[in-house]
Amino acid sequence: MYEIILHNRAVKYYNQLDDKKAARINRAIETLLENPVSGKNIKTLKGELNGKFRLRAGKYRIVYRIENDKNTVIIEDIGVRGRIY
């Protein structure tokens, strides 16, 4: 099982969400606990974000990286599709 850590930028965005949207993000993040590498809504990013992943949660995107040696997922940013990339 992986540990989830939120970067300050992700926390700031998350704290602005209403309860319904925050619950959607929570459910998506919970899927990363067991397997943060593959899934229906997970994609490996390329280019400037090479080495990172994105998790789709409706219109929201969660950008994260994995530190396998520590079994840690670091969520770097959360936002709507048009803003996050």
PDB file of N, CA and C in Angstrom:
ATOM      1  N   MET A   1       0.843  -1.181   0.000  1.00  0.00           N
ATOM      2  CA  MET A   1       0.000   0.000   0.000  1.00  0.00           C
ATOM      3  C   MET A   1       0.889   1.245   0.000  1.00  0.00           C
ATOM      4  N   TYR A   2       0.483   2.235  -0.755  1.00  0.00           N
ATOM      5  CA  TYR A   2       1.234   3.475  -0.880  1.00  0.00           C
ATOM      6  C   TYR A   2       0.717   4.532   0.094  1.00  0.00           C
ATOM      7  N   GLU A   3       1.588   5.418   0.463  1.00  0.00           N
ATOM      8  CA  GLU A   3       1.218   6.584   1.271  1.00  0.00           C
ATOM      9  C   GLU A   3       0.984   7.743   0.306  1.00  0.00           C
ATOM     10  N   ILE A   4      -0.003   8.572   0.594  1.00  0.00           N
ATOM     11  CA  ILE A   4      -0.327   9.719  -0.247  1.00  0.00           C
ATOM     12  C   ILE A   4       0.136  10.990   0.454  1.00  0.00           C
ATOM     13  N   ILE A   5       0.883  11.821  -0.268  1.00  0.00           N
ATOM     14  CA  ILE A   5       1.321  13.120   0.243  1.00  0.00           C
ATOM     15  C   ILE A   5       0.866  14.185  -0.748  1.00  0.00           C
ATOM     16  N   LEU A   6       0.264  15.249  -0.252  1.00  0.00           N
ATOM     17  CA  LEU A   6      -0.171  16.345  -1.108  1.00  0.00           C
ATOM     18  C   LEU A   6       0.808  17.507  -1.016  1.00  0.00           C
ATOM     19  N   HIS A   7       1.249  17.967  -2.165  1.00  0.00           N
ATOM     20  CA  HIS A   7       2.106  19.148  -2.269  1.00  0.00           C
ATOM     21  C   HIS A   7       1.267  20.373  -1.888  1.00  0.00           C
ATOM     22  N   ASN A   8       1.912  21.417  -1.427  1.00  0.00           N
ATOM     23  CA  ASN A   8       1.203  22.633  -1.000  1.00  0.00           C
ATOM     24  C   ASN A   8       0.266  23.178  -2.072  1.00  0.00           C
ATOM     25  N   ARG A   9       0.696  23.125  -3.339  1.00  0.00           N
ATOM     26  CA  ARG A   9      -0.128  23.633  -4.441  1.00  0.00           C
ATOM     27  C   ARG A   9      -1.422  22.827  -4.548  1.00  0.00           C
ATOM     28  N   ALA A  10      -1.329  21.506  -4.373  1.00  0.00           N
ATOM     29  CA  ALA A  10      -2.512  20.649  -4.438  1.00  0.00           C
ATOM     30  C   ALA A  10      -3.440  20.910  -3.251  1.00  0.00           C
ATOM     31  N   VAL A  11      -2.866  21.094  -2.083  1.00  0.00           N
ATOM     32  CA  VAL A  11      -3.666  21.379  -0.883  1.00  0.00           C
ATOM     33  C   VAL A  11      -4.427  22.692  -1.051  1.00  0.00           C
ATOM     34  N   LYS A  12      -3.770  23.685  -1.580  1.00  0.00           N
ATOM     35  CA  LYS A  12      -4.400  24.999  -1.772  1.00  0.00           C
ATOM     36  C   LYS A  12      -5.624  24.884  -2.684  1.00  0.00           C
ATOM     37  N   TYR A  13      -5.488  24.159  -3.793  1.00  0.00           N
ATOM     38  CA  TYR A  13      -6.612  23.994  -4.716  1.00  0.00           C
ATOM     39  C   TYR A  13      -7.714  23.152  -4.065  1.00  0.00           C
ATOM     40  N   TYR A  14      -7.319  22.070  -3.416  1.00  0.00           N
ATOM     41  CA  TYR A  14      -8.276  21.168  -2.775  1.00  0.00           C
ATOM     42  C   TYR A  14      -9.126  21.912  -1.741  1.00  0.00           C
ATOM     43  N   ASN A  15      -8.509  22.771  -0.959  1.00  0.00           N
ATOM     44  CA  ASN A  15      -9.225  23.498   0.089  1.00  0.00           C
ATOM     45  C   ASN A  15     -10.259  24.474  -0.462  1.00  0.00           C
ATOM     46  N   GLN A  16     -10.166  24.824  -1.734  1.00  0.00           N
ATOM     47  CA  GLN A  16     -11.125  25.738  -2.352  1.00  0.00           C
ATOM     48  C   GLN A  16     -12.359  25.019  -2.897  1.00  0.00           C
ATOM     49  N   LEU A  17     -12.312  23.697  -2.953  1.00  0.00           N
ATOM     50  CA  LEU A  17     -13.412  22.923  -3.527  1.00  0.00           C
ATOM     51  C   LEU A  17     -14.579  22.803  -2.554  1.00  0.00           C
ATOM     52  N   ASP A  18     -15.793  22.738  -3.123  1.00  0.00           N
ATOM     53  CA  ASP A  18     -16.945  22.469  -2.267  1.00  0.00           C
ATOM     54  C   ASP A  18     -16.940  20.979  -1.889  1.00  0.00           C
ATOM     55  N   ASP A  19     -17.820  20.592  -0.988  1.00  0.00           N
ATOM     56  CA  ASP A  19     -17.809  19.228  -0.444  1.00  0.00           C
ATOM     57  C   ASP A  19     -18.011  18.154  -1.510  1.00  0.00           C
ATOM     58  N   LYS A  20     -18.891  18.401  -2.465  1.00  0.00           N
ATOM     59  CA  LYS A  20     -19.178  17.410  -3.499  1.00  0.00           C
ATOM     60  C   LYS A  20     -17.952  17.180  -4.387  1.00  0.00           C
ATOM     61  N   LYS A  21     -17.305  18.252  -4.784  1.00  0.00           N
ATOM     62  CA  LYS A  21     -16.115  18.133  -5.633  1.00  0.00           C
ATOM     63  C   LYS A  21     -14.951  17.520  -4.858  1.00  0.00           C
ATOM     64  N   ALA A  22     -14.811  17.888  -3.603  1.00  0.00           N
ATOM     65  CA  ALA A  22     -13.746  17.321  -2.770  1.00  0.00           C
ATOM     66  C   ALA A  22     -13.953  15.818  -2.589  1.00  0.00           C
ATOM     67  N   ALA A  23     -15.198  15.389  -2.446  1.00  0.00           N
ATOM     68  CA  ALA A  23     -15.492  13.965  -2.301  1.00  0.00           C
ATOM     69  C   ALA A  23     -15.102  13.204  -3.567  1.00  0.00           C
ATOM     70  N   ARG A  24     -15.341  13.793  -4.728  1.00  0.00           N
ATOM     71  CA  ARG A  24     -14.954  13.161  -5.996  1.00  0.00           C
ATOM     72  C   ARG A  24     -13.438  13.004  -6.065  1.00  0.00           C
ATOM     73  N   ILE A  25     -12.714  14.044  -5.671  1.00  0.00           N
ATOM     74  CA  ILE A  25     -11.248  13.999  -5.664  1.00  0.00           C
ATOM     75  C   ILE A  25     -10.769  12.941  -4.663  1.00  0.00           C
ATOM     76  N   ASN A  26     -11.388  12.887  -3.494  1.00  0.00           N
ATOM     77  CA  ASN A  26     -11.018  11.887  -2.477  1.00  0.00           C
ATOM     78  C   ASN A  26     -11.164  10.463  -3.004  1.00  0.00           C
ATOM     79  N   ARG A  27     -12.293  10.193  -3.668  1.00  0.00           N
ATOM     80  CA  ARG A  27     -12.516   8.848  -4.207  1.00  0.00           C
ATOM     81  C   ARG A  27     -11.447   8.498  -5.239  1.00  0.00           C
ATOM     82  N   ALA A  28     -11.089   9.457  -6.071  1.00  0.00           N
ATOM     83  CA  ALA A  28     -10.060   9.217  -7.087  1.00  0.00           C
ATOM     84  C   ALA A  28      -8.711   8.950  -6.431  1.00  0.00           C
ATOM     85  N   ILE A  29      -8.362   9.752  -5.438  1.00  0.00           N
ATOM     86  CA  ILE A  29      -7.071   9.595  -4.762  1.00  0.00           C
ATOM     87  C   ILE A  29      -6.988   8.243  -4.055  1.00  0.00           C
ATOM     88  N   GLU A  30      -8.099   7.785  -3.489  1.00  0.00           N
ATOM     89  CA  GLU A  30      -8.105   6.491  -2.803  1.00  0.00           C
ATOM     90  C   GLU A  30      -7.730   5.344  -3.735  1.00  0.00           C
ATOM     91  N   THR A  31      -8.019   5.478  -5.026  1.00  0.00           N
ATOM     92  CA  THR A  31      -7.663   4.412  -5.972  1.00  0.00           C
ATOM     93  C   THR A  31      -6.150   4.292  -6.133  1.00  0.00           C
ATOM     94  N   LEU A  32      -5.410   5.336  -5.792  1.00  0.00           N
ATOM     95  CA  LEU A  32      -3.954   5.314  -5.925  1.00  0.00           C
ATOM     96  C   LEU A  32      -3.272   4.541  -4.803  1.00  0.00           C
ATOM     97  N   LEU A  33      -3.966   4.295  -3.718  1.00  0.00           N
ATOM     98  CA  LEU A  33      -3.358   3.618  -2.572  1.00  0.00           C
ATOM     99  C   LEU A  33      -2.827   2.233  -2.921  1.00  0.00           C
ATOM    100  N   GLU A  34      -3.558   1.494  -3.728  1.00  0.00           N
ATOM    101  CA  GLU A  34      -3.165   0.126  -4.073  1.00  0.00           C
ATOM    102  C   GLU A  34      -2.285   0.057  -5.312  1.00  0.00           C
ATOM    103  N   ASN A  35      -2.667   0.777  -6.371  1.00  0.00           N
ATOM    104  CA  ASN A  35      -1.924   0.690  -7.627  1.00  0.00           C
ATOM    105  C   ASN A  35      -1.921   2.049  -8.325  1.00  0.00           C
ATOM    106  N   PRO A  36      -0.902   2.858  -8.103  1.00  0.00           N
ATOM    107  CA  PRO A  36      -0.863   4.194  -8.698  1.00  0.00           C
ATOM    108  C   PRO A  36      -0.339   4.232 -10.133  1.00  0.00           C
ATOM    109  N   VAL A  37      -0.005   3.067 -10.706  1.00  0.00           N
ATOM    110  CA  VAL A  37       0.626   3.044 -12.023  1.00  0.00           C
ATOM    111  C   VAL A  37      -0.350   2.749 -13.152  1.00  0.00           C
ATOM    112  N   SER A  38      -1.321   1.893 -12.911  1.00  0.00           N
ATOM    113  CA  SER A  38      -2.230   1.546 -14.000  1.00  0.00           C
ATOM    114  C   SER A  38      -3.671   1.595 -13.528  1.00  0.00           C
ATOM    115  N   GLY A  39      -4.512   1.950 -14.458  1.00  0.00           N
ATOM    116  CA  GLY A  39      -5.930   2.043 -14.182  1.00  0.00           C
ATOM    117  C   GLY A  39      -6.617   2.731 -15.338  1.00  0.00           C
ATOM    118  N   LYS A  40      -7.919   2.651 -15.342  1.00  0.00           N
ATOM    119  CA  LYS A  40      -8.716   3.213 -16.431  1.00  0.00           C
ATOM    120  C   LYS A  40      -8.486   4.715 -16.603  1.00  0.00           C
ATOM    121  N   ASN A  41      -8.320   5.435 -15.526  1.00  0.00           N
ATOM    122  CA  ASN A  41      -8.204   6.893 -15.588  1.00  0.00           C
ATOM    123  C   ASN A  41      -6.793   7.406 -15.339  1.00  0.00           C
ATOM    124  N   ILE A  42      -5.806   6.517 -15.416  1.00  0.00           N
ATOM    125  CA  ILE A  42      -4.412   6.897 -15.179  1.00  0.00           C
ATOM    126  C   ILE A  42      -3.660   6.921 -16.496  1.00  0.00           C
ATOM    127  N   LYS A  43      -2.859   7.958 -16.676  1.00  0.00           N
ATOM    128  CA  LYS A  43      -2.070   8.092 -17.897  1.00  0.00           C
ATOM    129  C   LYS A  43      -0.675   8.586 -17.530  1.00  0.00           C
ATOM    130  N   THR A  44       0.348   8.032 -18.203  1.00  0.00           N
ATOM    131  CA  THR A  44       1.713   8.516 -18.034  1.00  0.00           C
ATOM    132  C   THR A  44       1.862   9.792 -18.845  1.00  0.00           C
ATOM    133  N   LEU A  45       2.432  10.818 -18.257  1.00  0.00           N
ATOM    134  CA  LEU A  45       2.586  12.094 -18.945  1.00  0.00           C
ATOM    135  C   LEU A  45       3.910  12.155 -19.688  1.00  0.00           C
ATOM    136  N   LYS A  46       3.959  13.015 -20.690  1.00  0.00           N
ATOM    137  CA  LYS A  46       5.152  13.155 -21.528  1.00  0.00           C
ATOM    138  C   LYS A  46       5.570  14.614 -21.577  1.00  0.00           C
ATOM    139  N   GLY A  47       6.672  14.852 -22.264  1.00  0.00           N
ATOM    140  CA  GLY A  47       7.144  16.216 -22.455  1.00  0.00           C
ATOM    141  C   GLY A  47       7.642  16.827 -21.165  1.00  0.00           C
ATOM    142  N   GLU A  48       7.170  18.024 -20.879  1.00  0.00           N
ATOM    143  CA  GLU A  48       7.592  18.765 -19.689  1.00  0.00           C
ATOM    144  C   GLU A  48       7.262  18.024 -18.392  1.00  0.00           C
ATOM    145  N   LEU A  49       6.220  17.226 -18.423  1.00  0.00           N
ATOM    146  CA  LEU A  49       5.782  16.483 -17.235  1.00  0.00           C
ATOM    147  C   LEU A  49       6.222  15.018 -17.283  1.00  0.00           C
ATOM    148  N   ASN A  50       7.228  14.725 -18.063  1.00  0.00           N
ATOM    149  CA  ASN A  50       7.730  13.360 -18.213  1.00  0.00           C
ATOM    150  C   ASN A  50       8.068  12.747 -16.847  1.00  0.00           C
ATOM    151  N   GLY A  51       7.678  11.493 -16.665  1.00  0.00           N
ATOM    152  CA  GLY A  51       7.939  10.802 -15.406  1.00  0.00           C
ATOM    153  C   GLY A  51       6.827  10.957 -14.386  1.00  0.00           C
ATOM    154  N   LYS A  52       5.815  11.744 -14.729  1.00  0.00           N
ATOM    155  CA  LYS A  52       4.680  11.945 -13.830  1.00  0.00           C
ATOM    156  C   LYS A  52       3.455  11.269 -14.425  1.00  0.00           C
ATOM    157  N   PHE A  53       2.425  11.183 -13.629  1.00  0.00           N
ATOM    158  CA  PHE A  53       1.182  10.559 -14.043  1.00  0.00           C
ATOM    159  C   PHE A  53       0.048  11.546 -13.835  1.00  0.00           C
ATOM    160  N   ARG A  54      -1.062  11.266 -14.514  1.00  0.00           N
ATOM    161  CA  ARG A  54      -2.262  12.041 -14.252  1.00  0.00           C
ATOM    162  C   ARG A  54      -3.404  11.081 -14.015  1.00  0.00           C
ATOM    163  N   LEU A  55      -4.228  11.445 -13.074  1.00  0.00           N
ATOM    164  CA  LEU A  55      -5.428  10.692 -12.745  1.00  0.00           C
ATOM    165  C   LEU A  55      -6.612  11.576 -13.083  1.00  0.00           C
ATOM    166  N   ARG A  56      -7.541  11.042 -13.875  1.00  0.00           N
ATOM    167  CA  ARG A  56      -8.719  11.805 -14.268  1.00  0.00           C
ATOM    168  C   ARG A  56      -9.837  11.530 -13.275  1.00  0.00           C
ATOM    169  N   ALA A  57     -10.458  12.597 -12.798  1.00  0.00           N
ATOM    170  CA  ALA A  57     -11.610  12.499 -11.899  1.00  0.00           C
ATOM    171  C   ALA A  57     -12.673  13.456 -12.424  1.00  0.00           C
ATOM    172  N   GLY A  58     -13.456  12.999 -13.397  1.00  0.00           N
ATOM    173  CA  GLY A  58     -14.417  13.877 -14.046  1.00  0.00           C
ATOM    174  C   GLY A  58     -13.682  14.949 -14.820  1.00  0.00           C
ATOM    175  N   LYS A  59     -14.020  16.216 -14.586  1.00  0.00           N
ATOM    176  CA  LYS A  59     -13.329  17.297 -15.294  1.00  0.00           C
ATOM    177  C   LYS A  59     -12.016  17.688 -14.613  1.00  0.00           C
ATOM    178  N   TYR A  60     -11.720  17.065 -13.495  1.00  0.00           N
ATOM    179  CA  TYR A  60     -10.495  17.379 -12.753  1.00  0.00           C
ATOM    180  C   TYR A  60      -9.365  16.437 -13.131  1.00  0.00           C
ATOM    181  N   ARG A  61      -8.151  16.950 -13.026  1.00  0.00           N
ATOM    182  CA  ARG A  61      -6.949  16.156 -13.255  1.00  0.00           C
ATOM    183  C   ARG A  61      -6.072  16.260 -12.018  1.00  0.00           C
ATOM    184  N   ILE A  62      -5.494  15.138 -11.641  1.00  0.00           N
ATOM    185  CA  ILE A  62      -4.597  15.066 -10.492  1.00  0.00           C
ATOM    186  C   ILE A  62      -3.245  14.636 -11.036  1.00  0.00           C
ATOM    187  N   VAL A  63      -2.244  15.494 -10.914  1.00  0.00           N
ATOM    188  CA  VAL A  63      -0.906  15.196 -11.409  1.00  0.00           C
ATOM    189  C   VAL A  63      -0.061  14.742 -10.225  1.00  0.00           C
ATOM    190  N   TYR A  64       0.611  13.602 -10.400  1.00  0.00           N
ATOM    191  CA  TYR A  64       1.389  13.050  -9.289  1.00  0.00           C
ATOM    192  C   TYR A  64       2.621  12.328  -9.799  1.00  0.00           C
ATOM    193  N   ARG A  65       3.523  12.086  -8.865  1.00  0.00           N
ATOM    194  CA  ARG A  65       4.705  11.273  -9.156  1.00  0.00           C
ATOM    195  C   ARG A  65       4.800  10.203  -8.077  1.00  0.00           C
ATOM    196  N   ILE A  66       5.555   9.169  -8.396  1.00  0.00           N
ATOM    197  CA  ILE A  66       5.666   8.027  -7.492  1.00  0.00           C
ATOM    198  C   ILE A  66       7.109   7.881  -7.041  1.00  0.00           C
ATOM    199  N   GLU A  67       7.293   7.705  -5.754  1.00  0.00           N
ATOM    200  CA  GLU A  67       8.600   7.365  -5.191  1.00  0.00           C
ATOM    201  C   GLU A  67       8.495   5.920  -4.710  1.00  0.00           C
ATOM    202  N   ASN A  68       8.842   4.990  -5.599  1.00  0.00           N
ATOM    203  CA  ASN A  68       8.678   3.561  -5.299  1.00  0.00           C
ATOM    204  C   ASN A  68       9.512   3.102  -4.120  1.00  0.00           C
ATOM    205  N   ASP A  69      10.706   3.676  -3.956  1.00  0.00           N
ATOM    206  CA  ASP A  69      11.562   3.249  -2.849  1.00  0.00           C
ATOM    207  C   ASP A  69      10.947   3.558  -1.489  1.00  0.00           C
ATOM    208  N   LYS A  70      10.047   4.528  -1.446  1.00  0.00           N
ATOM    209  CA  LYS A  70       9.385   4.905  -0.195  1.00  0.00           C
ATOM    210  C   LYS A  70       7.905   4.517  -0.187  1.00  0.00           C
ATOM    211  N   ASN A  71       7.444   3.866  -1.270  1.00  0.00           N
ATOM    212  CA  ASN A  71       6.017   3.553  -1.428  1.00  0.00           C
ATOM    213  C   ASN A  71       5.155   4.791  -1.196  1.00  0.00           C
ATOM    214  N   THR A  72       5.521   5.862  -1.883  1.00  0.00           N
ATOM    215  CA  THR A  72       4.848   7.139  -1.699  1.00  0.00           C
ATOM    216  C   THR A  72       4.358   7.695  -3.030  1.00  0.00           C
ATOM    217  N   VAL A  73       3.155   8.230  -3.019  1.00  0.00           N
ATOM    218  CA  VAL A  73       2.603   8.967  -4.149  1.00  0.00           C
ATOM    219  C   VAL A  73       2.539  10.424  -3.722  1.00  0.00           C
ATOM    220  N   ILE A  74       3.196  11.295  -4.486  1.00  0.00           N
ATOM    221  CA  ILE A  74       3.197  12.719  -4.169  1.00  0.00           C
ATOM    222  C   ILE A  74       2.307  13.428  -5.180  1.00  0.00           C
ATOM    223  N   ILE A  75       1.189  13.938  -4.706  1.00  0.00           N
ATOM    224  CA  ILE A  75       0.258  14.662  -5.565  1.00  0.00           C
ATOM    225  C   ILE A  75       0.756  16.094  -5.666  1.00  0.00           C
ATOM    226  N   GLU A  76       1.162  16.468  -6.871  1.00  0.00           N
ATOM    227  CA  GLU A  76       1.776  17.771  -7.079  1.00  0.00           C
ATOM    228  C   GLU A  76       0.781  18.859  -7.430  1.00  0.00           C
ATOM    229  N   ASP A  77      -0.294  18.502  -8.118  1.00  0.00           N
ATOM    230  CA  ASP A  77      -1.246  19.532  -8.524  1.00  0.00           C
ATOM    231  C   ASP A  77      -2.610  18.905  -8.777  1.00  0.00           C
ATOM    232  N   ILE A  78      -3.641  19.691  -8.564  1.00  0.00           N
ATOM    233  CA  ILE A  78      -5.022  19.315  -8.847  1.00  0.00           C
ATOM    234  C   ILE A  78      -5.645  20.496  -9.567  1.00  0.00           C
ATOM    235  N   GLY A  79      -6.425  20.223 -10.595  1.00  0.00           N
ATOM    236  CA  GLY A  79      -7.092  21.310 -11.298  1.00  0.00           C
ATOM    237  C   GLY A  79      -7.941  20.796 -12.440  1.00  0.00           C
ATOM    238  N   VAL A  80      -8.625  21.716 -13.096  1.00  0.00           N
ATOM    239  CA  VAL A  80      -9.416  21.348 -14.269  1.00  0.00           C
ATOM    240  C   VAL A  80      -8.478  21.177 -15.455  1.00  0.00           C
ATOM    241  N   ARG A  81      -8.902  20.417 -16.426  1.00  0.00           N
ATOM    242  CA  ARG A  81      -8.045  20.020 -17.532  1.00  0.00           C
ATOM    243  C   ARG A  81      -7.362  21.203 -18.213  1.00  0.00           C
ATOM    244  N   GLY A  82      -8.068  22.228 -18.522  1.00  0.00           N
ATOM    245  CA  GLY A  82      -7.499  23.363 -19.243  1.00  0.00           C
ATOM    246  C   GLY A  82      -6.442  24.130 -18.470  1.00  0.00           C
ATOM    247  N   ARG A  83      -6.471  24.074 -17.161  1.00  0.00           N
ATOM    248  CA  ARG A  83      -5.524  24.830 -16.345  1.00  0.00           C
ATOM    249  C   ARG A  83      -4.298  24.006 -15.952  1.00  0.00           C
ATOM    250  N   ILE A  84      -4.471  22.733 -15.812  1.00  0.00           N
ATOM    251  CA  ILE A  84      -3.426  21.911 -15.207  1.00  0.00           C
ATOM    252  C   ILE A  84      -2.264  21.621 -16.142  1.00  0.00           C
ATOM    253  N   TYR A  85      -2.490  21.588 -17.453  1.00  0.00           N
ATOM    254  CA  TYR A  85      -1.409  21.231 -18.372  1.00  0.00           C
ATOM    255  C   TYR A  85      -0.725  22.456 -18.883  1.00  0.00           C
TER     256      TYR A  85
END
